[in-house]
Protein backbone atom coordinates (compact mmCIF):
# COMPACT_ATOMS: atom_id res chain seq x y z
CA MET A 1 0.00 0.00 0.00
CA LYS A 2 2.76 2.43 0.94
CA ALA A 3 4.61 1.78 -2.32
CA LEU A 4 1.39 2.40 -4.25
CA ILE A 5 0.79 5.73 -2.53
CA ILE A 6 4.36 6.89 -3.12
CA GLY A 7 4.05 5.90 -6.75
CA LEU A 8 0.81 7.81 -7.13
CA LEU A 9 2.26 10.92 -5.55
CA LEU A 10 5.45 10.91 -7.58
CA GLY A 11 3.62 10.04 -10.76
CA PHE A 12 1.06 12.75 -10.16
CA LEU A 13 3.71 15.40 -9.75
CA GLY A 14 6.27 14.34 -12.32
CA PHE A 15 9.17 16.06 -10.57
CA GLY A 16 11.86 13.95 -8.94
CA CYS A 17 14.45 16.45 -7.79
CA GLN A 18 12.89 17.28 -4.42
CA ASP A 19 13.27 15.42 -1.16
CA TYR A 20 9.92 14.03 0.10
CA ASN A 21 10.21 12.40 3.50
CA TYR A 22 7.76 9.57 2.90
CA GLU A 23 9.69 7.19 5.14
CA GLN A 24 8.62 9.23 8.16
CA LEU A 25 5.14 7.74 7.93
CA SER A 26 4.09 4.14 8.37
CA PRO A 27 1.85 2.48 5.74
CA ALA A 28 -1.18 2.86 8.00
CA ASP A 29 -0.73 6.63 8.05
CA PHE A 30 -1.40 7.11 4.35
CA ASN A 31 -4.87 8.49 3.60
CA THR A 32 -5.02 10.46 0.38
CA LYS A 33 -7.34 13.21 -0.79
CA HIS A 34 -7.79 14.13 -4.45
CA GLN A 35 -9.30 17.60 -4.87
CA LEU A 36 -10.04 19.39 -8.13
CA SER A 37 -10.95 23.09 -8.15
CA THR A 38 -12.07 24.67 -11.42
CA VAL A 39 -12.31 28.45 -11.70
CA GLU A 40 -13.61 30.37 -14.70
CA LEU A 41 -11.15 32.98 -15.95
CA SER A 42 -12.03 35.96 -18.09
CA PRO A 43 -9.84 38.46 -19.96
CA GLU A 44 -12.29 41.22 -18.94
CA VAL A 45 -13.48 42.60 -15.61
CA ASP A 46 -16.52 44.72 -14.66
CA VAL A 47 -16.16 46.51 -11.31
CA LEU A 48 -19.15 47.95 -9.48
CA PHE A 49 -18.21 50.25 -6.60
CA VAL A 50 -20.79 50.66 -3.83
CA ILE A 51 -19.80 53.77 -1.87
CA ASP A 52 -21.46 54.93 1.34
CA ASN A 53 -22.53 58.57 0.95
CA SER A 54 -23.74 59.19 4.49
CA GLY A 55 -22.44 62.00 6.69
CA SER A 56 -19.33 60.30 8.05
CA MET A 57 -17.72 59.20 4.78
CA ALA A 58 -15.78 62.21 3.46
CA GLY A 59 -12.40 60.93 4.63
CA GLU A 60 -12.96 57.44 3.28
CA GLN A 61 -13.96 58.79 -0.14
CA GLN A 62 -10.74 60.79 -0.26
CA GLN A 63 -8.70 57.74 0.69
CA LEU A 64 -10.41 55.69 -2.01
CA ALA A 65 -9.63 58.42 -4.54
CA ASN A 66 -5.98 58.55 -3.47
CA SER A 67 -5.57 54.79 -3.90
CA PHE A 68 -7.39 54.52 -7.22
CA GLU A 69 -4.33 54.84 -9.45
CA ILE A 70 -2.70 51.83 -7.79
CA PHE A 71 -5.91 49.83 -8.23
CA ALA A 72 -6.48 50.75 -11.88
CA ASN A 73 -2.85 50.36 -12.92
CA ARG A 74 -2.67 46.91 -11.36
CA LEU A 75 -5.81 45.74 -13.15
CA ASP A 76 -4.62 47.21 -16.45
CA ALA A 77 -1.35 45.31 -16.01
CA LEU A 78 -3.17 42.05 -15.26
CA PHE A 79 -5.94 42.26 -17.87
CA GLY A 80 -4.56 44.72 -20.41
CA ALA A 81 -5.68 48.24 -21.24
CA ASP A 82 -9.37 48.78 -21.98
CA MET A 83 -10.41 45.47 -20.44
CA LEU A 84 -11.84 47.21 -17.36
CA HIS A 85 -15.38 48.55 -16.96
CA MET A 86 -16.36 50.52 -13.83
CA ALA A 87 -19.44 52.15 -12.36
CA VAL A 88 -20.44 53.65 -9.01
CA VAL A 89 -23.62 53.35 -6.97
CA THR A 90 -24.32 54.60 -3.47
CA THR A 91 -25.78 52.96 -0.37
CA GLY A 92 -28.83 55.21 -0.66
CA VAL A 93 -32.26 53.80 -1.48
CA GLU A 94 -35.35 55.99 -1.43
CA SER A 95 -37.57 55.20 1.54
CA PRO A 96 -39.81 57.02 4.05
CA GLY A 97 -36.73 58.07 6.02
CA CYS A 98 -34.75 58.98 2.91
CA PRO A 99 -36.85 61.06 0.48
CA SER A 100 -35.60 63.04 -2.48
CA CYS A 101 -33.47 66.05 -1.62
CA ASP A 102 -35.06 69.47 -2.17
CA GLU A 103 -34.73 73.04 -0.95
CA PHE A 104 -35.95 72.01 2.49
CA ILE A 105 -34.55 68.47 2.81
CA LYS A 106 -30.77 68.70 2.63
CA ALA A 107 -29.56 65.56 4.40
CA SER A 108 -30.40 61.85 4.54
CA CYS A 109 -32.00 62.20 1.13
CA MET A 110 -31.64 61.09 -2.49
CA ASN A 111 -29.51 63.29 -4.76
CA GLU A 112 -30.66 64.34 -8.24
CA THR A 113 -29.68 60.97 -9.75
CA GLY A 114 -32.36 59.33 -7.62
CA GLU A 115 -29.72 56.88 -6.34
CA SER A 116 -31.50 53.56 -5.57
CA GLY A 117 -28.98 51.71 -7.71
CA ALA A 118 -28.53 54.45 -10.33
CA PHE A 119 -25.03 54.68 -11.76
CA GLN A 120 -23.58 57.93 -10.48
CA ASP A 121 -22.65 60.38 -13.24
CA ARG A 122 -21.91 63.38 -11.04
CA LEU A 123 -18.30 64.48 -10.74
CA GLY A 124 -17.87 65.52 -7.14
CA ARG A 125 -15.07 67.20 -5.27
CA ILE A 126 -14.43 68.35 -1.72
CA ALA A 127 -14.56 72.12 -2.08
CA SER A 128 -13.97 73.25 1.50
CA TYR A 129 -14.30 72.48 5.18
CA ASP A 130 -16.82 74.28 7.42
CA GLU A 131 -15.26 74.57 10.85
CA ASN A 132 -18.48 75.77 12.45
CA LEU A 133 -20.42 72.74 11.28
CA ASP A 134 -17.40 70.40 11.44
CA THR A 135 -18.19 69.06 8.00
CA TYR A 136 -16.87 69.03 4.45
CA ILE A 137 -18.60 70.91 1.64
CA PHE A 138 -18.90 69.07 -1.68
CA GLU A 139 -19.51 70.50 -5.14
CA PHE A 140 -20.87 68.52 -8.08
CA ARG A 141 -21.28 68.81 -11.82
CA SER A 142 -23.12 66.42 -14.09
CA GLU A 143 -21.17 64.40 -16.65
CA PRO A 144 -23.48 61.77 -18.22
CA ALA A 145 -20.62 60.10 -20.10
CA CYS A 146 -19.07 59.08 -16.77
CA GLY A 147 -21.91 56.83 -15.67
CA ILE A 148 -20.11 53.83 -17.18
CA ILE A 149 -16.32 53.87 -17.51
CA GLU A 150 -15.45 51.64 -20.47
CA ASN A 151 -11.75 52.20 -21.17
CA SER A 152 -8.52 53.50 -19.73
CA ALA A 153 -9.02 56.97 -21.19
CA GLU A 154 -12.21 57.35 -19.16
CA GLN A 155 -10.72 56.29 -15.82
CA SER A 156 -10.31 59.94 -14.85
CA CYS A 157 -14.11 59.93 -14.50
CA PHE A 158 -13.67 57.94 -11.30
CA PHE A 159 -10.94 60.26 -10.05
CA ASP A 160 -8.84 62.92 -11.74
CA ALA A 161 -5.80 63.78 -9.62
CA ASP A 162 -5.37 67.15 -11.35
CA SER A 163 -8.88 68.45 -10.74
CA GLN A 164 -9.40 66.36 -7.59
CA GLU A 165 -12.88 65.39 -8.77
CA GLY A 166 -14.65 62.24 -9.84
CA THR A 167 -17.59 59.92 -9.34
CA VAL A 168 -15.79 58.50 -6.29
CA PHE A 169 -16.90 61.64 -4.43
CA VAL A 170 -20.55 60.77 -3.91
CA GLY A 171 -20.98 63.30 -1.10
CA ILE A 172 -22.14 63.00 2.49
CA ASN A 173 -25.80 64.02 2.46
CA GLY A 174 -27.00 60.52 1.62
CA CYS A 175 -29.40 58.21 3.38
CA GLY A 176 -28.82 57.51 7.07
CA TYR A 177 -30.39 54.08 6.63
CA GLU A 178 -27.52 52.70 4.56
CA ARG A 179 -28.44 49.87 2.24
CA GLY A 180 -25.45 48.50 0.39
CA LEU A 181 -26.90 45.23 -0.90
CA ALA A 182 -30.22 46.36 -2.36
CA PRO A 183 -28.58 48.86 -4.80
CA ILE A 184 -26.41 46.08 -6.20
CA ARG A 185 -29.48 44.17 -7.32
CA MET A 186 -31.21 47.36 -8.47
CA ALA A 187 -28.24 48.41 -10.59
CA LEU A 188 -27.59 45.03 -12.16
CA SER A 189 -31.28 44.37 -12.83
CA ASP A 190 -31.44 47.55 -14.94
CA LEU A 191 -28.96 46.51 -17.57
CA GLN A 192 -31.36 47.05 -20.47
CA ASN A 193 -32.12 50.62 -19.40
CA GLN A 194 -29.60 53.24 -18.28
CA HIS A 195 -27.00 50.58 -17.48
CA VAL A 196 -26.76 48.92 -20.88
CA GLY A 197 -23.18 48.07 -21.83
CA PHE A 198 -21.75 47.79 -18.33
CA LEU A 199 -22.03 44.07 -17.62
CA ARG A 200 -20.42 41.89 -20.28
CA PRO A 201 -21.66 38.28 -20.44
CA ASP A 202 -18.32 36.56 -19.86
CA ALA A 203 -16.47 39.23 -17.88
CA THR A 204 -15.60 38.75 -14.23
CA LEU A 205 -18.02 40.80 -12.12
CA VAL A 206 -16.44 42.40 -9.05
CA VAL A 207 -18.41 44.32 -6.43
CA VAL A 208 -16.29 46.53 -4.14
CA LEU A 209 -18.24 47.96 -1.21
CA ILE A 210 -16.96 50.69 1.13
CA SER A 211 -19.02 51.62 4.18
CA ASP A 212 -18.54 52.45 7.85
CA GLU A 213 -22.02 51.13 8.70
CA ASP A 214 -23.88 47.84 8.31
CA ASP A 215 -26.47 46.97 5.67
CA CYS A 216 -30.10 47.81 6.47
CA GLY A 217 -31.76 45.27 4.21
CA GLU A 218 -34.67 46.08 1.93
CA VAL A 219 -36.98 49.05 2.26
CA GLY A 220 -39.75 47.89 4.58
CA ASP A 221 -37.57 45.50 6.58
CA ILE A 222 -37.48 48.01 9.46
CA SER A 223 -39.71 50.81 10.69
CA GLU A 224 -38.00 54.11 9.96
CA GLY A 225 -38.23 57.28 12.00
CA ILE A 226 -38.65 55.67 15.43
CA PRO A 227 -37.80 58.47 17.92
CA GLY A 228 -34.47 57.96 19.61
CA ALA A 229 -33.55 54.92 17.53
CA GLY A 230 -33.04 56.16 13.97
CA GLY A 231 -30.51 54.15 11.97
CA ARG A 232 -29.71 51.98 14.96
CA MET A 233 -32.83 50.03 14.00
CA CYS A 234 -30.73 48.58 11.18
CA TYR A 235 -28.35 47.00 13.69
CA TYR A 236 -31.11 45.66 15.92
CA ALA A 237 -32.65 43.98 12.86
CA ALA A 238 -29.29 42.78 11.52
CA LYS A 239 -28.52 41.12 14.83
CA GLY A 240 -32.07 39.79 15.12
CA VAL A 241 -32.44 40.91 18.71
CA GLY A 242 -32.38 44.38 20.22
CA PRO A 243 -30.95 45.66 23.50
CA GLY A 244 -32.34 43.83 26.48
CA GLY A 245 -33.39 40.88 24.32
CA THR A 246 -36.23 42.77 22.62
CA THR A 247 -37.58 41.40 19.35
CA SER A 248 -39.10 44.71 18.22
CA HIS A 249 -38.83 48.30 19.34
CA PRO A 250 -41.28 49.24 22.14
CA ASP A 251 -42.04 52.58 20.44
CA ASP A 252 -42.76 51.02 17.05
CA PRO A 253 -46.55 51.18 16.49
CA THR A 254 -46.32 48.29 14.01
CA SER A 255 -44.16 46.10 16.31
CA LYS A 256 -42.16 45.06 13.26
CA PRO A 257 -39.83 42.19 14.28
CA TYR A 258 -36.08 42.64 14.09
CA ARG A 259 -35.34 40.81 10.87
CA LEU A 260 -33.74 41.75 7.54
CA THR A 261 -33.99 40.19 4.09
CA SER A 262 -31.46 37.36 3.93
CA VAL A 263 -28.00 38.01 2.50
CA ASP A 264 -28.60 34.82 0.50
CA GLU A 265 -30.83 36.83 -1.84
CA THR A 266 -27.91 38.97 -2.99
CA TYR A 267 -25.55 36.00 -3.23
CA LYS A 268 -27.98 34.00 -5.39
CA PHE A 269 -28.72 37.01 -7.57
CA LEU A 270 -25.05 37.67 -8.28
CA MET A 271 -24.23 34.05 -8.99
CA GLU A 272 -27.21 33.61 -11.31
CA LEU A 273 -26.06 36.64 -13.32
CA LYS A 274 -23.04 34.56 -14.30
CA GLY A 275 -24.74 31.21 -14.65
CA ASN A 276 -23.38 30.07 -11.26
CA ARG A 277 -19.88 29.80 -12.75
CA ALA A 278 -17.29 29.79 -9.98
CA GLY A 279 -14.83 32.65 -10.23
CA LEU A 280 -16.88 34.99 -12.40
CA VAL A 281 -18.32 36.86 -9.39
CA LYS A 282 -16.24 38.34 -6.58
CA PHE A 283 -17.29 40.46 -3.62
CA ALA A 284 -14.97 42.72 -1.63
CA ALA A 285 -16.01 44.63 1.50
CA ILE A 286 -14.01 47.43 3.16
CA VAL A 287 -16.05 47.80 6.33
CA GLY A 288 -15.96 47.96 10.11
CA ILE A 289 -14.36 44.81 11.51
CA SER A 290 -13.03 44.09 14.97
CA ASP A 291 -10.07 41.92 13.92
CA PRO A 292 -8.56 42.11 10.42
CA GLU A 293 -7.17 38.59 10.83
CA HIS A 294 -10.59 37.17 11.74
CA PRO A 295 -13.30 39.48 10.35
CA GLU A 296 -15.90 36.75 10.82
CA ASP A 297 -15.62 37.29 14.58
CA THR A 298 -17.09 40.81 14.27
CA ARG A 299 -20.27 41.13 16.31
CA ILE A 300 -22.93 43.77 16.94
CA GLU A 301 -22.72 44.80 20.59
CA TYR A 302 -24.72 47.38 22.54
CA GLU A 303 -23.32 50.26 24.56
CA ASP A 304 -26.23 50.07 27.03
CA PRO A 305 -27.89 46.64 26.80
CA GLY A 306 -30.76 47.81 29.01
CA ASN A 307 -31.77 50.70 26.74
CA PRO A 308 -34.08 49.64 23.86
CA SER A 309 -32.59 52.50 21.78
CA SER A 310 -28.99 51.83 22.77
CA ASN A 311 -26.06 53.03 20.71
CA ILE A 312 -23.91 50.45 18.92
CA LEU A 313 -20.34 49.86 20.01
CA PRO A 314 -17.86 50.63 17.21
CA ALA A 315 -16.00 47.75 15.61
CA CYS A 316 -12.82 49.79 15.09
CA VAL A 317 -11.30 53.26 15.18
CA THR A 318 -9.07 54.75 12.47
CA PRO A 319 -5.52 55.18 13.80
CA ALA A 320 -4.34 58.77 14.40
CA CYS A 321 -7.80 60.06 13.47
CA THR A 322 -9.30 63.02 15.34
CA GLY A 323 -12.83 64.36 15.24
CA ARG A 324 -16.25 62.79 15.38
CA TYR A 325 -16.00 60.48 12.36
CA CYS A 326 -13.12 58.19 13.32
CA GLN A 327 -15.22 55.17 14.24
CA ALA A 328 -16.70 52.45 12.07
CA TYR A 329 -19.45 50.10 13.10
CA PRO A 330 -19.79 46.34 12.56
CA GLY A 331 -20.37 45.46 8.90
CA THR A 332 -21.72 42.03 9.76
CA ARG A 333 -23.95 41.51 6.74
CA TYR A 334 -21.23 42.44 4.28
CA ILE A 335 -18.85 40.09 6.05
CA GLU A 336 -21.50 37.36 5.83
CA LEU A 337 -21.85 37.88 2.07
CA ALA A 338 -18.09 37.77 1.52
CA LYS A 339 -17.95 34.54 3.52
CA LYS A 340 -20.54 32.97 1.23
CA PHE A 341 -18.14 33.49 -1.66
CA GLY A 342 -15.35 31.79 0.31
CA ASN A 343 -11.71 32.80 0.61
CA GLN A 344 -11.15 32.60 -3.11
CA PHE A 345 -13.93 34.94 -4.21
CA GLY A 346 -14.78 36.90 -1.06
CA PHE A 347 -12.51 39.59 0.40
CA VAL A 348 -12.82 41.62 3.62
CA ASP A 349 -10.59 44.35 5.02
CA THR A 350 -10.98 47.06 7.62
CA ILE A 351 -12.14 50.56 6.77
CA CYS A 352 -10.30 51.81 9.87
CA GLN A 353 -7.05 52.72 8.15
CA ALA A 354 -5.56 56.01 7.07
CA ASP A 355 -4.41 54.76 3.66
CA PHE A 356 -6.34 52.39 1.39
CA SER A 357 -3.45 51.88 -1.04
CA GLY A 358 -2.41 48.48 0.29
CA THR A 359 -5.99 47.24 0.42
CA MET A 360 -6.82 48.39 -3.11
CA GLU A 361 -3.67 46.79 -4.49
CA LYS A 362 -4.59 43.55 -2.73
CA ILE A 363 -8.09 43.69 -4.20
CA ALA A 364 -6.76 44.29 -7.72
CA THR A 365 -4.34 41.35 -7.41
CA TRP A 366 -7.10 39.16 -6.00
CA VAL A 367 -9.40 40.16 -8.87
CA GLY A 368 -6.73 39.15 -11.34
CA CYS A 369 -6.24 35.64 -10.00
CA PRO A 370 -7.37 33.65 -6.94
CA GLU A 371 -4.70 33.69 -4.25
CA ASP A 372 -6.03 31.09 -1.84
CA PHE A 373 -7.59 27.68 -2.38
CA GLN A 374 -9.61 26.24 0.46
CA LEU A 375 -8.83 22.62 1.24
CA GLN A 376 -11.46 19.97 1.81
CA ALA A 377 -9.29 18.08 4.30
CA THR A 378 -6.25 18.76 6.47
CA ILE A 379 -2.81 18.11 5.03
CA GLU A 380 -0.67 15.78 7.13
CA ASP A 381 2.59 17.10 5.73
CA ALA A 382 3.08 19.80 3.09
CA ALA A 383 5.90 17.70 1.63
CA LEU A 384 3.29 15.07 0.75
CA ALA A 385 1.07 17.46 -1.22
CA ASN A 386 1.31 17.64 -5.00
CA ILE A 387 -0.26 20.14 -7.36
CA LEU A 388 -1.12 20.41 -11.03
CA VAL A 389 -2.18 23.74 -12.55
CA ASN A 390 -4.00 23.27 -15.84
CA ASP A 391 -2.48 19.79 -16.07
CA LEU A 392 1.09 21.02 -15.54
CA PRO A 393 2.95 19.92 -12.40
CA VAL A 394 4.00 22.64 -9.93
CA PRO A 395 7.22 21.95 -7.99
CA ARG A 396 7.23 22.41 -4.22
CA TYR A 397 10.19 24.79 -4.56
CA SER A 398 11.13 26.93 -7.54
CA CYS A 399 13.51 29.70 -8.55
CA THR A 400 12.41 33.32 -8.32
CA ASN A 401 12.86 35.89 -11.11
CA ILE A 402 12.38 33.32 -13.85
CA THR A 403 10.32 34.67 -16.74
CA ASP A 404 7.74 32.56 -18.61
CA SER A 405 8.67 29.28 -16.94
CA VAL A 406 8.93 27.42 -13.65
CA LEU A 407 12.34 26.13 -12.64
CA ALA A 408 12.29 23.55 -9.85
CA CYS A 409 14.92 23.62 -7.12
CA ALA A 410 15.77 21.53 -4.07
CA GLY A 411 14.66 23.86 -1.29
CA PRO A 412 15.24 27.16 0.54
CA GLY A 413 18.91 28.07 0.82
CA GLU A 414 19.93 25.87 -2.09
CA THR A 415 21.87 27.88 -4.67
CA ASP A 416 23.08 25.34 -7.21
CA ASP A 417 19.71 24.90 -8.95
CA CYS A 418 18.98 28.58 -9.62
CA PRO A 419 20.76 31.13 -11.84
CA THR A 420 22.53 34.18 -10.46
CA GLY A 421 20.12 36.71 -8.97
CA SER A 422 17.49 34.07 -8.29
CA GLU A 423 16.51 32.35 -5.04
CA CYS A 424 14.97 28.97 -4.31
CA LYS A 425 11.66 29.51 -2.51
CA GLU A 426 8.37 27.76 -1.88
CA THR A 427 6.12 27.84 -4.93
CA TRP A 428 3.08 27.44 -2.73
CA ILE A 429 2.35 27.77 0.98
CA TYR A 430 0.07 25.72 3.18
CA ASP A 431 -1.68 27.70 5.94
CA ASP A 432 -3.29 25.27 8.36
CA GLN A 433 -4.91 28.11 10.34
CA ALA A 434 -7.04 29.47 7.50
CA GLY A 435 -10.53 28.02 7.55
CA GLU A 436 -11.51 24.57 8.73
CA HIS A 437 -8.80 22.61 6.89
CA GLY A 438 -6.40 25.33 5.77
CA THR A 439 -5.56 26.83 2.41
CA ILE A 440 -3.00 26.53 -0.35
CA SER A 441 -1.71 29.88 -1.65
CA PHE A 442 0.82 30.54 -4.39
CA ALA A 443 3.98 32.58 -3.96
CA GLU A 444 4.43 35.94 -5.65
CA HIS A 445 6.87 34.53 -8.20
CA PHE A 446 4.35 31.99 -9.52
CA ASP A 447 1.19 33.09 -11.35
CA PRO A 448 -1.28 30.20 -11.73
CA CYS A 449 -3.38 32.38 -14.05
CA ALA A 450 -0.56 33.14 -16.49
CA ASN A 451 -2.40 31.28 -19.25
CA ARG A 452 -5.65 33.22 -18.88
CA ASP A 453 -6.54 32.56 -22.51
CA GLU A 454 -7.36 28.96 -21.60
CA GLY A 455 -10.55 30.27 -20.00
CA GLN A 456 -10.25 28.11 -16.89
CA LEU A 457 -7.92 27.62 -13.96
CA ARG A 458 -7.81 24.01 -12.83
CA ILE A 459 -6.06 23.33 -9.54
CA ASP A 460 -5.58 19.58 -9.10
CA LEU A 461 -4.43 18.58 -5.61
CA LEU A 462 -3.34 15.21 -4.27
CA TYR A 463 -2.27 15.17 -0.64
CA VAL A 464 -1.94 12.95 2.39
CA THR A 465 -4.40 13.52 5.23
CA PRO A 466 -4.06 12.50 8.90
């Protein structure tokens, strides 16, 4: 049995120059797992930004603008120029608590685009800061051609560093009942109307959401305008239970239960847009999380559990930030949606950072090619795992700085196998702490998606389990 397993492993890989310590295990220890992951690859990408335009988001919009060049340049490098489509929607949806803006209603209202999933074609900019009101003043001008960004020449619509304006600046007078998921479905259900041309049938669809609040579900999920509660009703409903264990607010005449439309609705909608093809939909959330290493541990907690209108405890605070808008609150529903897409196609990072550049570069790289592959069982020993990428064997160790090929080497520190200026490093890394059984991730010097024209990425794993 042991000889058979060793033969399978070596035959599967096809490389014989590396030292696998099979003799460390007895024949009874060998249990093998064969796992095949197939991911659809596309040479095109459609990115929908969902940007919170409520009163606390001026700083975050500026940070997103400042990091945009890194994001766009990385995607252009991965996919090629003019392969990127982009559009922007807000978290505002018209509702009783969020009517249209007019001469009397200036805040928590719908701007002239109507929002509610409308692609934003207003070029905004931060014009000044009002010290008396402790708020930023935005100016806008309409530019209908910027509703859908279809090529590299139009990327200045999102943000132009010279004029410091763009659709990224959606303002801060938007709805106080932030709904980030409903506008996604509204926008992408309207593709035959104002949004024609944005979503290409075989392009990868990426939704990037930025908000310092949680999602408030569909209009009608909560009662709006409850005195003393306001937008906190969204959190009570998202958690499913209010302060003190209440199931509805005592001042709500309708006694509407704390419950929001399931996140599953958005997940199913997005997947069905792409025929449920794995890898053609990705969701990234930059939101309030309590621990960047374990965003799934973020919870909604109450400042005063005995008060039925209690404030929500923040999930995080932006470092070195001063003023009243330094806190972000738990983005539990966005985290839940990202988790449904798994580590490969769901991404979460904290909004509590002073510079989004690193996050946006990570997102762009992640959009280009999956970085992590979730395992279905635990690996006994990384030396006993073998990988094929699109039917080609991947060595455990390979030389860095090798263009258009993979050169196997014996292991870290070995210099004889690699040319001058190159190092022998792991081609892939096993992280046994990520998820239930761990993940396999590829090193920076190896791109599993190099042959994107094949249309699919097939990761074939054979490994020994405990």
